[in-house]
Amino acid sequence: VWYANGELMDSTIYAVPKLAGERLCKALAARNFAARTGPSFVAIRIGWCQPGVNAAMTLNAAGTPTKSACGAEIKGVVPADLQAADSLRDVPLLNHWFRSMWLSNQDFAHVFDRGLHAVLPNEACGFVLAHGMSANEGMRWDLTETIEVLGYTPQDDVQAALRAAS
């Protein structure tokens, strides 16, 4: 639970069906694997994306670009009338958390392409849970299995994109 734009954001309504879907796919994969028939499943836990351009410098807890993303933040200045529009811009820890989950549009397309075309190893028993994030410097999530099993090669890094924009 966190606040964005003065509004309480609760991820429970998102997390419960996500976890249920992952468990259902894992159970179906196990059944199919044992019967040696049916599809395998790749569940991709998508990082933090925004609609449209999905620029690193506009990421925030609300999940959508804000008015202050039009260039002021790149210069390190957010006009006073826009500061209230996104209350999390002044909270470096939360910005780091959401930015470290960034999945660029290019990497988004690539991880799904790899998930659709992957041939899962027998030890996966027909199911892989993969993290879909860009190669973000300092992130907490491990992309090793996603890279090794799916052949995913993320190209983008939120920190590099932020440095390039400043």
N, C-alpha and C. Protein backbone atom coordinates (compact mmCIF):
# COMPACT_ATOMS: atom_id res chain seq x y z
N VAL A 1 0.85 -1.17 0.00
CA VAL A 1 0.00 0.00 0.00
C VAL A 1 0.89 1.23 0.00
N TRP A 2 0.59 2.20 -0.87
CA TRP A 2 1.36 3.43 -0.93
C TRP A 2 0.44 4.53 -1.45
N TYR A 3 0.91 5.76 -1.42
CA TYR A 3 0.14 6.90 -1.89
C TYR A 3 0.75 7.44 -3.18
N ALA A 4 -0.09 7.77 -4.13
CA ALA A 4 0.34 8.43 -5.37
C ALA A 4 -0.73 9.44 -5.72
N ASN A 5 -0.30 10.66 -5.99
CA ASN A 5 -1.23 11.74 -6.32
C ASN A 5 -2.29 11.92 -5.24
N GLY A 6 -1.89 11.70 -3.99
CA GLY A 6 -2.82 11.85 -2.88
C GLY A 6 -3.83 10.73 -2.77
N GLU A 7 -3.69 9.69 -3.58
CA GLU A 7 -4.64 8.59 -3.59
C GLU A 7 -3.96 7.32 -3.07
N LEU A 8 -4.67 6.58 -2.26
CA LEU A 8 -4.16 5.32 -1.72
C LEU A 8 -4.12 4.28 -2.84
N MET A 9 -2.95 3.65 -3.02
CA MET A 9 -2.78 2.61 -4.03
C MET A 9 -2.60 1.29 -3.30
N ASP A 10 -3.41 0.29 -3.62
CA ASP A 10 -3.34 -1.00 -2.96
C ASP A 10 -3.11 -2.07 -4.01
N SER A 11 -2.03 -2.83 -3.88
CA SER A 11 -1.70 -3.83 -4.88
C SER A 11 -2.37 -5.18 -4.62
N THR A 12 -3.10 -5.33 -3.53
CA THR A 12 -3.72 -6.60 -3.19
C THR A 12 -4.66 -7.07 -4.30
N ILE A 13 -5.47 -6.18 -4.83
CA ILE A 13 -6.44 -6.54 -5.86
C ILE A 13 -5.72 -7.00 -7.13
N TYR A 14 -4.49 -6.59 -7.31
CA TYR A 14 -3.67 -7.03 -8.45
C TYR A 14 -2.94 -8.33 -8.12
N ALA A 15 -2.40 -8.42 -6.93
CA ALA A 15 -1.53 -9.55 -6.57
C ALA A 15 -2.28 -10.87 -6.43
N VAL A 16 -3.45 -10.86 -5.85
CA VAL A 16 -4.18 -12.11 -5.59
C VAL A 16 -4.50 -12.86 -6.88
N PRO A 17 -5.14 -12.24 -7.88
CA PRO A 17 -5.40 -12.99 -9.11
C PRO A 17 -4.12 -13.36 -9.87
N LYS A 18 -3.09 -12.52 -9.76
CA LYS A 18 -1.81 -12.84 -10.41
C LYS A 18 -1.24 -14.14 -9.84
N LEU A 19 -1.17 -14.23 -8.52
CA LEU A 19 -0.64 -15.43 -7.89
C LEU A 19 -1.52 -16.65 -8.16
N ALA A 20 -2.82 -16.47 -8.16
CA ALA A 20 -3.73 -17.58 -8.45
C ALA A 20 -3.52 -18.07 -9.88
N GLY A 21 -3.36 -17.15 -10.82
CA GLY A 21 -3.11 -17.53 -12.21
C GLY A 21 -1.80 -18.27 -12.37
N GLU A 22 -0.76 -17.81 -11.68
CA GLU A 22 0.53 -18.49 -11.74
C GLU A 22 0.43 -19.91 -11.20
N ARG A 23 -0.28 -20.07 -10.09
CA ARG A 23 -0.42 -21.41 -9.49
C ARG A 23 -1.26 -22.33 -10.37
N LEU A 24 -2.30 -21.78 -10.99
CA LEU A 24 -3.11 -22.58 -11.91
C LEU A 24 -2.27 -23.06 -13.09
N CYS A 25 -1.48 -22.16 -13.67
CA CYS A 25 -0.62 -22.54 -14.80
C CYS A 25 0.40 -23.59 -14.38
N LYS A 26 0.95 -23.45 -13.18
CA LYS A 26 1.93 -24.43 -12.70
C LYS A 26 1.27 -25.80 -12.53
N ALA A 27 0.05 -25.83 -11.99
CA ALA A 27 -0.66 -27.11 -11.80
C ALA A 27 -1.00 -27.74 -13.15
N LEU A 28 -1.47 -26.95 -14.10
CA LEU A 28 -1.78 -27.47 -15.43
C LEU A 28 -0.52 -27.98 -16.13
N ALA A 29 0.58 -27.26 -15.96
CA ALA A 29 1.85 -27.68 -16.55
C ALA A 29 2.30 -29.02 -15.97
N ALA A 30 2.16 -29.18 -14.66
CA ALA A 30 2.56 -30.44 -14.01
C ALA A 30 1.70 -31.59 -14.52
N ARG A 31 0.40 -31.34 -14.65
CA ARG A 31 -0.50 -32.38 -15.17
C ARG A 31 -0.12 -32.75 -16.61
N ASN A 32 0.11 -31.73 -17.43
CA ASN A 32 0.47 -31.97 -18.83
C ASN A 32 1.83 -32.68 -18.93
N PHE A 33 2.76 -32.29 -18.08
CA PHE A 33 4.09 -32.88 -18.11
C PHE A 33 4.02 -34.35 -17.74
N ALA A 34 3.23 -34.67 -16.71
CA ALA A 34 3.08 -36.07 -16.28
C ALA A 34 2.40 -36.90 -17.35
N ALA A 35 1.44 -36.32 -18.05
CA ALA A 35 0.72 -37.03 -19.10
C ALA A 35 1.47 -36.99 -20.43
N ARG A 36 2.55 -36.24 -20.47
CA ARG A 36 3.35 -36.07 -21.70
C ARG A 36 2.53 -35.52 -22.85
N THR A 37 1.61 -34.62 -22.52
CA THR A 37 0.76 -34.00 -23.53
C THR A 37 0.39 -32.58 -23.10
N GLY A 38 0.01 -31.77 -24.02
CA GLY A 38 -0.45 -30.42 -23.71
C GLY A 38 0.66 -29.40 -23.67
N PRO A 39 0.28 -28.15 -23.52
CA PRO A 39 1.27 -27.06 -23.58
C PRO A 39 2.06 -26.90 -22.28
N SER A 40 3.20 -26.25 -22.40
CA SER A 40 3.95 -25.80 -21.22
C SER A 40 3.54 -24.35 -20.98
N PHE A 41 3.94 -23.79 -19.86
CA PHE A 41 3.53 -22.43 -19.50
C PHE A 41 4.73 -21.61 -19.06
N VAL A 42 4.75 -20.35 -19.49
CA VAL A 42 5.73 -19.38 -19.02
C VAL A 42 4.94 -18.22 -18.43
N ALA A 43 5.10 -18.00 -17.14
CA ALA A 43 4.46 -16.86 -16.48
C ALA A 43 5.53 -15.77 -16.35
N ILE A 44 5.23 -14.61 -16.88
CA ILE A 44 6.19 -13.51 -16.84
C ILE A 44 5.67 -12.44 -15.89
N ARG A 45 6.41 -12.22 -14.83
CA ARG A 45 6.08 -11.15 -13.89
C ARG A 45 6.63 -9.85 -14.46
N ILE A 46 5.73 -9.08 -15.02
CA ILE A 46 6.12 -7.84 -15.70
C ILE A 46 6.54 -6.80 -14.67
N GLY A 47 7.65 -6.15 -14.96
CA GLY A 47 8.12 -5.07 -14.10
C GLY A 47 7.22 -3.85 -14.19
N TRP A 48 7.80 -2.67 -14.14
CA TRP A 48 7.03 -1.43 -14.12
C TRP A 48 7.05 -0.80 -15.49
N CYS A 49 5.88 -0.69 -16.11
CA CYS A 49 5.75 -0.11 -17.45
C CYS A 49 4.72 1.02 -17.41
N GLN A 50 4.85 1.90 -18.36
CA GLN A 50 3.87 2.96 -18.54
C GLN A 50 3.27 2.83 -19.92
N PRO A 51 2.07 3.32 -20.11
CA PRO A 51 1.50 3.29 -21.46
C PRO A 51 2.28 4.23 -22.38
N GLY A 52 2.36 3.89 -23.62
CA GLY A 52 3.00 4.78 -24.60
C GLY A 52 4.51 4.71 -24.59
N VAL A 53 5.14 5.86 -24.53
CA VAL A 53 6.59 5.99 -24.65
C VAL A 53 7.35 5.23 -23.57
N ASN A 54 6.85 5.20 -22.35
CA ASN A 54 7.46 4.44 -21.25
C ASN A 54 8.89 4.90 -20.97
N ALA A 55 9.09 6.19 -20.85
CA ALA A 55 10.42 6.77 -20.61
C ALA A 55 10.84 6.60 -19.16
N ALA A 56 12.11 6.32 -18.96
CA ALA A 56 12.64 6.10 -17.60
C ALA A 56 12.42 7.31 -16.71
N MET A 57 12.53 8.51 -17.25
CA MET A 57 12.44 9.71 -16.41
C MET A 57 11.01 10.06 -15.98
N THR A 58 10.01 9.36 -16.50
CA THR A 58 8.63 9.64 -16.08
C THR A 58 8.04 8.56 -15.20
N LEU A 59 8.85 7.58 -14.79
CA LEU A 59 8.34 6.50 -13.94
C LEU A 59 7.97 7.01 -12.56
N ASN A 60 6.87 6.52 -12.03
CA ASN A 60 6.43 6.87 -10.68
C ASN A 60 5.47 5.80 -10.19
N ALA A 61 5.08 5.90 -8.94
CA ALA A 61 4.24 4.88 -8.32
C ALA A 61 2.85 4.80 -8.91
N ALA A 62 2.37 5.86 -9.56
CA ALA A 62 1.05 5.83 -10.15
C ALA A 62 1.02 4.99 -11.42
N GLY A 63 2.19 4.77 -12.03
CA GLY A 63 2.27 3.94 -13.22
C GLY A 63 1.99 4.67 -14.51
N THR A 64 1.71 5.95 -14.44
CA THR A 64 1.47 6.72 -15.66
C THR A 64 2.34 7.98 -15.65
N PRO A 65 2.75 8.45 -16.83
CA PRO A 65 3.56 9.66 -16.87
C PRO A 65 2.79 10.84 -16.28
N THR A 66 3.51 11.76 -15.65
CA THR A 66 2.86 12.93 -15.06
C THR A 66 3.22 14.18 -15.85
N LYS A 67 2.52 15.26 -15.58
CA LYS A 67 2.78 16.53 -16.27
C LYS A 67 4.22 16.99 -16.07
N SER A 68 4.78 16.73 -14.91
CA SER A 68 6.13 17.20 -14.63
C SER A 68 7.18 16.46 -15.44
N ALA A 69 6.78 15.44 -16.15
CA ALA A 69 7.73 14.68 -16.96
C ALA A 69 8.07 15.37 -18.27
N CYS A 70 7.47 16.50 -18.53
CA CYS A 70 7.66 17.16 -19.82
C CYS A 70 9.02 17.83 -19.95
N GLY A 71 9.92 17.65 -19.03
CA GLY A 71 11.26 18.20 -19.18
C GLY A 71 11.79 18.83 -17.91
N ALA A 72 10.93 19.28 -17.02
CA ALA A 72 11.39 19.93 -15.81
C ALA A 72 12.17 18.98 -14.92
N GLU A 73 11.72 17.72 -14.83
CA GLU A 73 12.40 16.77 -13.96
C GLU A 73 13.79 16.45 -14.46
N ILE A 74 13.96 16.43 -15.77
CA ILE A 74 15.27 16.15 -16.35
C ILE A 74 16.28 17.19 -15.85
N LYS A 75 15.82 18.43 -15.72
CA LYS A 75 16.69 19.50 -15.24
C LYS A 75 16.75 19.54 -13.72
N GLY A 76 16.01 18.67 -13.05
CA GLY A 76 16.02 18.62 -11.60
C GLY A 76 15.11 19.64 -10.95
N VAL A 77 14.22 20.24 -11.74
CA VAL A 77 13.32 21.27 -11.22
C VAL A 77 11.89 20.85 -11.52
N VAL A 78 11.08 20.78 -10.48
CA VAL A 78 9.66 20.49 -10.66
C VAL A 78 8.90 21.73 -10.19
N PRO A 79 8.17 22.38 -11.10
CA PRO A 79 7.42 23.58 -10.72
C PRO A 79 6.49 23.32 -9.54
N ALA A 80 6.32 24.33 -8.70
CA ALA A 80 5.53 24.19 -7.47
C ALA A 80 4.12 23.71 -7.75
N ASP A 81 3.49 24.19 -8.83
CA ASP A 81 2.12 23.78 -9.10
C ASP A 81 2.03 22.32 -9.56
N LEU A 82 3.14 21.72 -9.93
CA LEU A 82 3.13 20.33 -10.35
C LEU A 82 3.61 19.39 -9.25
N GLN A 83 4.22 19.91 -8.21
CA GLN A 83 4.74 19.05 -7.16
C GLN A 83 3.63 18.24 -6.51
N ALA A 84 2.47 18.84 -6.33
CA ALA A 84 1.34 18.12 -5.72
C ALA A 84 0.77 17.07 -6.65
N ALA A 85 1.04 17.20 -7.95
CA ALA A 85 0.49 16.24 -8.91
C ALA A 85 1.09 14.85 -8.73
N ASP A 86 2.27 14.78 -8.18
CA ASP A 86 2.90 13.48 -7.97
C ASP A 86 3.67 13.53 -6.67
N SER A 87 3.03 13.13 -5.59
CA SER A 87 3.62 13.26 -4.26
C SER A 87 4.84 12.39 -4.05
N LEU A 88 5.07 11.40 -4.92
CA LEU A 88 6.20 10.50 -4.72
C LEU A 88 7.49 11.00 -5.35
N ARG A 89 7.47 12.07 -6.08
CA ARG A 89 8.69 12.58 -6.71
C ARG A 89 9.71 12.99 -5.65
N ASP A 90 9.27 13.31 -4.45
CA ASP A 90 10.18 13.72 -3.39
C ASP A 90 10.55 12.56 -2.46
N VAL A 91 10.24 11.38 -2.83
CA VAL A 91 10.54 10.22 -2.01
C VAL A 91 11.52 9.33 -2.79
N PRO A 92 12.82 9.57 -2.62
CA PRO A 92 13.82 8.85 -3.40
C PRO A 92 13.74 7.33 -3.28
N LEU A 93 13.43 6.83 -2.10
CA LEU A 93 13.37 5.38 -1.93
C LEU A 93 12.28 4.76 -2.79
N LEU A 94 11.09 5.36 -2.79
CA LEU A 94 10.01 4.83 -3.61
C LEU A 94 10.31 4.97 -5.10
N ASN A 95 10.89 6.10 -5.49
CA ASN A 95 11.26 6.26 -6.89
C ASN A 95 12.26 5.18 -7.30
N HIS A 96 13.23 4.91 -6.43
CA HIS A 96 14.21 3.87 -6.73
C HIS A 96 13.53 2.51 -6.88
N TRP A 97 12.60 2.20 -5.99
CA TRP A 97 11.89 0.92 -6.03
C TRP A 97 11.17 0.73 -7.36
N PHE A 98 10.36 1.71 -7.76
CA PHE A 98 9.60 1.58 -9.00
C PHE A 98 10.50 1.65 -10.22
N ARG A 99 11.49 2.51 -10.19
CA ARG A 99 12.40 2.61 -11.33
C ARG A 99 13.25 1.35 -11.49
N SER A 100 13.59 0.68 -10.40
CA SER A 100 14.41 -0.53 -10.51
C SER A 100 13.62 -1.68 -11.13
N MET A 101 12.30 -1.58 -11.17
CA MET A 101 11.46 -2.60 -11.81
C MET A 101 11.18 -2.30 -13.28
N TRP A 102 11.72 -1.21 -13.79
CA TRP A 102 11.38 -0.76 -15.15
C TRP A 102 11.59 -1.85 -16.19
N LEU A 103 10.64 -1.97 -17.09
CA LEU A 103 10.73 -2.84 -18.25
C LEU A 103 10.47 -1.96 -19.46
N SER A 104 11.53 -1.68 -20.21
CA SER A 104 11.41 -0.82 -21.38
C SER A 104 10.53 -1.48 -22.44
N ASN A 105 10.02 -0.69 -23.35
CA ASN A 105 9.18 -1.25 -24.41
C ASN A 105 9.94 -2.27 -25.25
N GLN A 106 11.20 -1.98 -25.55
CA GLN A 106 12.02 -2.91 -26.33
C GLN A 106 12.20 -4.24 -25.58
N ASP A 107 12.54 -4.16 -24.30
CA ASP A 107 12.74 -5.37 -23.51
C ASP A 107 11.42 -6.11 -23.27
N PHE A 108 10.32 -5.36 -23.16
CA PHE A 108 8.99 -5.96 -23.01
C PHE A 108 8.70 -6.88 -24.20
N ALA A 109 8.88 -6.36 -25.41
CA ALA A 109 8.62 -7.16 -26.61
C ALA A 109 9.55 -8.37 -26.66
N HIS A 110 10.80 -8.18 -26.27
CA HIS A 110 11.78 -9.26 -26.33
C HIS A 110 11.47 -10.38 -25.33
N VAL A 111 11.13 -10.04 -24.08
CA VAL A 111 10.87 -11.09 -23.09
C VAL A 111 9.63 -11.89 -23.46
N PHE A 112 8.62 -11.25 -24.03
CA PHE A 112 7.43 -11.99 -24.44
C PHE A 112 7.71 -12.85 -25.67
N ASP A 113 8.51 -12.36 -26.59
CA ASP A 113 8.91 -13.17 -27.74
C ASP A 113 9.64 -14.42 -27.27
N ARG A 114 10.55 -14.24 -26.33
CA ARG A 114 11.31 -15.38 -25.80
C ARG A 114 10.40 -16.34 -25.05
N GLY A 115 9.45 -15.82 -24.29
CA GLY A 115 8.51 -16.67 -23.56
C GLY A 115 7.64 -17.50 -24.49
N LEU A 116 7.24 -16.92 -25.61
CA LEU A 116 6.41 -17.65 -26.57
C LEU A 116 7.17 -18.72 -27.34
N HIS A 117 8.46 -18.51 -27.53
CA HIS A 117 9.25 -19.44 -28.34
C HIS A 117 10.20 -20.34 -27.54
N ALA A 118 10.20 -20.21 -26.25
CA ALA A 118 11.14 -20.99 -25.43
C ALA A 118 10.78 -22.48 -25.42
N VAL A 119 11.81 -23.29 -25.46
CA VAL A 119 11.65 -24.73 -25.26
C VAL A 119 12.15 -24.99 -23.84
N LEU A 120 11.22 -25.33 -22.96
CA LEU A 120 11.57 -25.47 -21.55
C LEU A 120 12.32 -26.77 -21.29
N PRO A 121 13.32 -26.72 -20.42
CA PRO A 121 14.05 -27.95 -20.09
C PRO A 121 13.16 -28.89 -19.28
N ASN A 122 13.46 -30.18 -19.32
CA ASN A 122 12.66 -31.18 -18.59
C ASN A 122 12.55 -30.86 -17.11
N GLU A 123 13.62 -30.37 -16.50
CA GLU A 123 13.57 -30.08 -15.05
C GLU A 123 12.58 -28.97 -14.71
N ALA A 124 12.12 -28.21 -15.70
CA ALA A 124 11.12 -27.17 -15.44
C ALA A 124 9.72 -27.78 -15.31
N CYS A 125 9.56 -29.04 -15.72
CA CYS A 125 8.26 -29.73 -15.65
C CYS A 125 7.14 -28.95 -16.32
N GLY A 126 7.47 -28.24 -17.38
CA GLY A 126 6.46 -27.53 -18.16
C GLY A 126 6.08 -26.17 -17.64
N PHE A 127 6.80 -25.62 -16.64
CA PHE A 127 6.44 -24.31 -16.09
C PHE A 127 7.68 -23.52 -15.70
N VAL A 128 7.70 -22.26 -16.11
CA VAL A 128 8.76 -21.34 -15.69
C VAL A 128 8.11 -20.03 -15.25
N LEU A 129 8.56 -19.53 -14.12
CA LEU A 129 8.15 -18.22 -13.62
C LEU A 129 9.32 -17.28 -13.88
N ALA A 130 9.12 -16.33 -14.78
CA ALA A 130 10.20 -15.45 -15.22
C ALA A 130 9.95 -14.01 -14.77
N HIS A 131 11.03 -13.29 -14.50
CA HIS A 131 10.94 -11.86 -14.19
C HIS A 131 11.15 -11.08 -15.46
N GLY A 132 10.22 -10.21 -15.79
CA GLY A 132 10.33 -9.37 -16.98
C GLY A 132 10.69 -7.96 -16.59
N MET A 133 11.98 -7.69 -16.53
CA MET A 133 12.49 -6.36 -16.23
C MET A 133 13.68 -6.09 -17.12
N SER A 134 13.97 -4.84 -17.31
CA SER A 134 15.17 -4.49 -18.05
C SER A 134 16.38 -4.75 -17.17
N ALA A 135 17.57 -4.61 -17.71
CA ALA A 135 18.82 -4.87 -16.97
C ALA A 135 19.16 -3.66 -16.10
N ASN A 136 18.33 -3.38 -15.13
CA ASN A 136 18.44 -2.18 -14.31
C ASN A 136 19.51 -2.31 -13.23
N GLU A 137 20.43 -1.40 -13.27
CA GLU A 137 21.53 -1.37 -12.29
C GLU A 137 20.97 -1.29 -10.87
N GLY A 138 21.43 -2.19 -10.01
CA GLY A 138 21.04 -2.15 -8.60
C GLY A 138 19.67 -2.72 -8.28
N MET A 139 19.02 -3.40 -9.21
CA MET A 139 17.69 -3.94 -8.90
C MET A 139 17.79 -5.15 -7.99
N ARG A 140 16.69 -5.46 -7.30
CA ARG A 140 16.66 -6.56 -6.33
C ARG A 140 16.28 -7.89 -6.95
N TRP A 141 15.78 -7.91 -8.17
CA TRP A 141 15.28 -9.13 -8.78
C TRP A 141 16.37 -9.80 -9.60
N ASP A 142 16.35 -11.11 -9.57
CA ASP A 142 17.35 -11.91 -10.27
C ASP A 142 16.78 -12.35 -11.62
N LEU A 143 17.45 -11.97 -12.69
CA LEU A 143 17.00 -12.33 -14.03
C LEU A 143 17.68 -13.59 -14.57
N THR A 144 18.48 -14.25 -13.74
CA THR A 144 19.27 -15.38 -14.20
C THR A 144 18.42 -16.45 -14.88
N GLU A 145 17.36 -16.91 -14.25
CA GLU A 145 16.53 -17.95 -14.85
C GLU A 145 15.86 -17.46 -16.13
N THR A 146 15.41 -16.23 -16.13
CA THR A 146 14.78 -15.66 -17.33
C THR A 146 15.77 -15.63 -18.48
N ILE A 147 17.00 -15.26 -18.18
CA ILE A 147 18.05 -15.20 -19.20
C ILE A 147 18.44 -16.60 -19.66
N GLU A 148 18.67 -17.50 -18.71
CA GLU A 148 19.15 -18.85 -19.05
C GLU A 148 18.08 -19.73 -19.69
N VAL A 149 16.89 -19.73 -19.14
CA VAL A 149 15.85 -20.63 -19.65
C VAL A 149 15.17 -20.07 -20.90
N LEU A 150 14.88 -18.78 -20.89
CA LEU A 150 14.17 -18.20 -22.04
C LEU A 150 15.11 -17.66 -23.11
N GLY A 151 16.36 -17.41 -22.75
CA GLY A 151 17.27 -16.79 -23.70
C GLY A 151 17.04 -15.29 -23.83
N TYR A 152 16.48 -14.70 -22.78
CA TYR A 152 16.18 -13.26 -22.75
C TYR A 152 17.47 -12.48 -22.57
N THR A 153 17.66 -11.45 -23.37
CA THR A 153 18.84 -10.60 -23.25
C THR A 153 18.38 -9.14 -23.16
N PRO A 154 18.09 -8.67 -21.95
CA PRO A 154 17.62 -7.28 -21.81
C PRO A 154 18.69 -6.30 -22.26
N GLN A 155 18.25 -5.24 -22.92
CA GLN A 155 19.17 -4.26 -23.48
C GLN A 155 19.19 -2.94 -22.71
N ASP A 156 18.13 -2.62 -22.02
CA ASP A 156 18.01 -1.29 -21.41
C ASP A 156 18.26 -1.30 -19.92
N ASP A 157 18.59 -0.13 -19.38
CA ASP A 157 18.88 0.06 -17.95
C ASP A 157 18.33 1.42 -17.56
N VAL A 158 17.46 1.44 -16.57
CA VAL A 158 16.81 2.68 -16.15
C VAL A 158 17.84 3.72 -15.71
N GLN A 159 18.86 3.30 -14.99
CA GLN A 159 19.86 4.28 -14.51
C GLN A 159 20.64 4.89 -15.67
N ALA A 160 21.01 4.07 -16.66
CA ALA A 160 21.70 4.59 -17.83
C ALA A 160 20.81 5.56 -18.60
N ALA A 161 19.52 5.23 -18.70
CA ALA A 161 18.57 6.11 -19.39
C ALA A 161 18.41 7.44 -18.65
N LEU A 162 18.38 7.38 -17.32
CA LEU A 162 18.27 8.61 -16.53
C LEU A 162 19.52 9.47 -16.67
N ARG A 163 20.69 8.82 -16.64
CA ARG A 163 21.94 9.58 -16.83
C ARG A 163 22.00 10.22 -18.20
N ALA A 164 21.57 9.51 -19.22
CA ALA A 164 21.58 10.03 -20.59
C ALA A 164 20.63 11.23 -20.75
N ALA A 165 19.53 11.22 -19.99
CA ALA A 165 18.54 12.28 -20.08
C ALA A 165 18.95 13.55 -19.32
N SER A 166 19.91 13.42 -18.40
CA SER A 166 20.25 14.61 -17.58
C SER A 166 21.37 15.41 -18.20
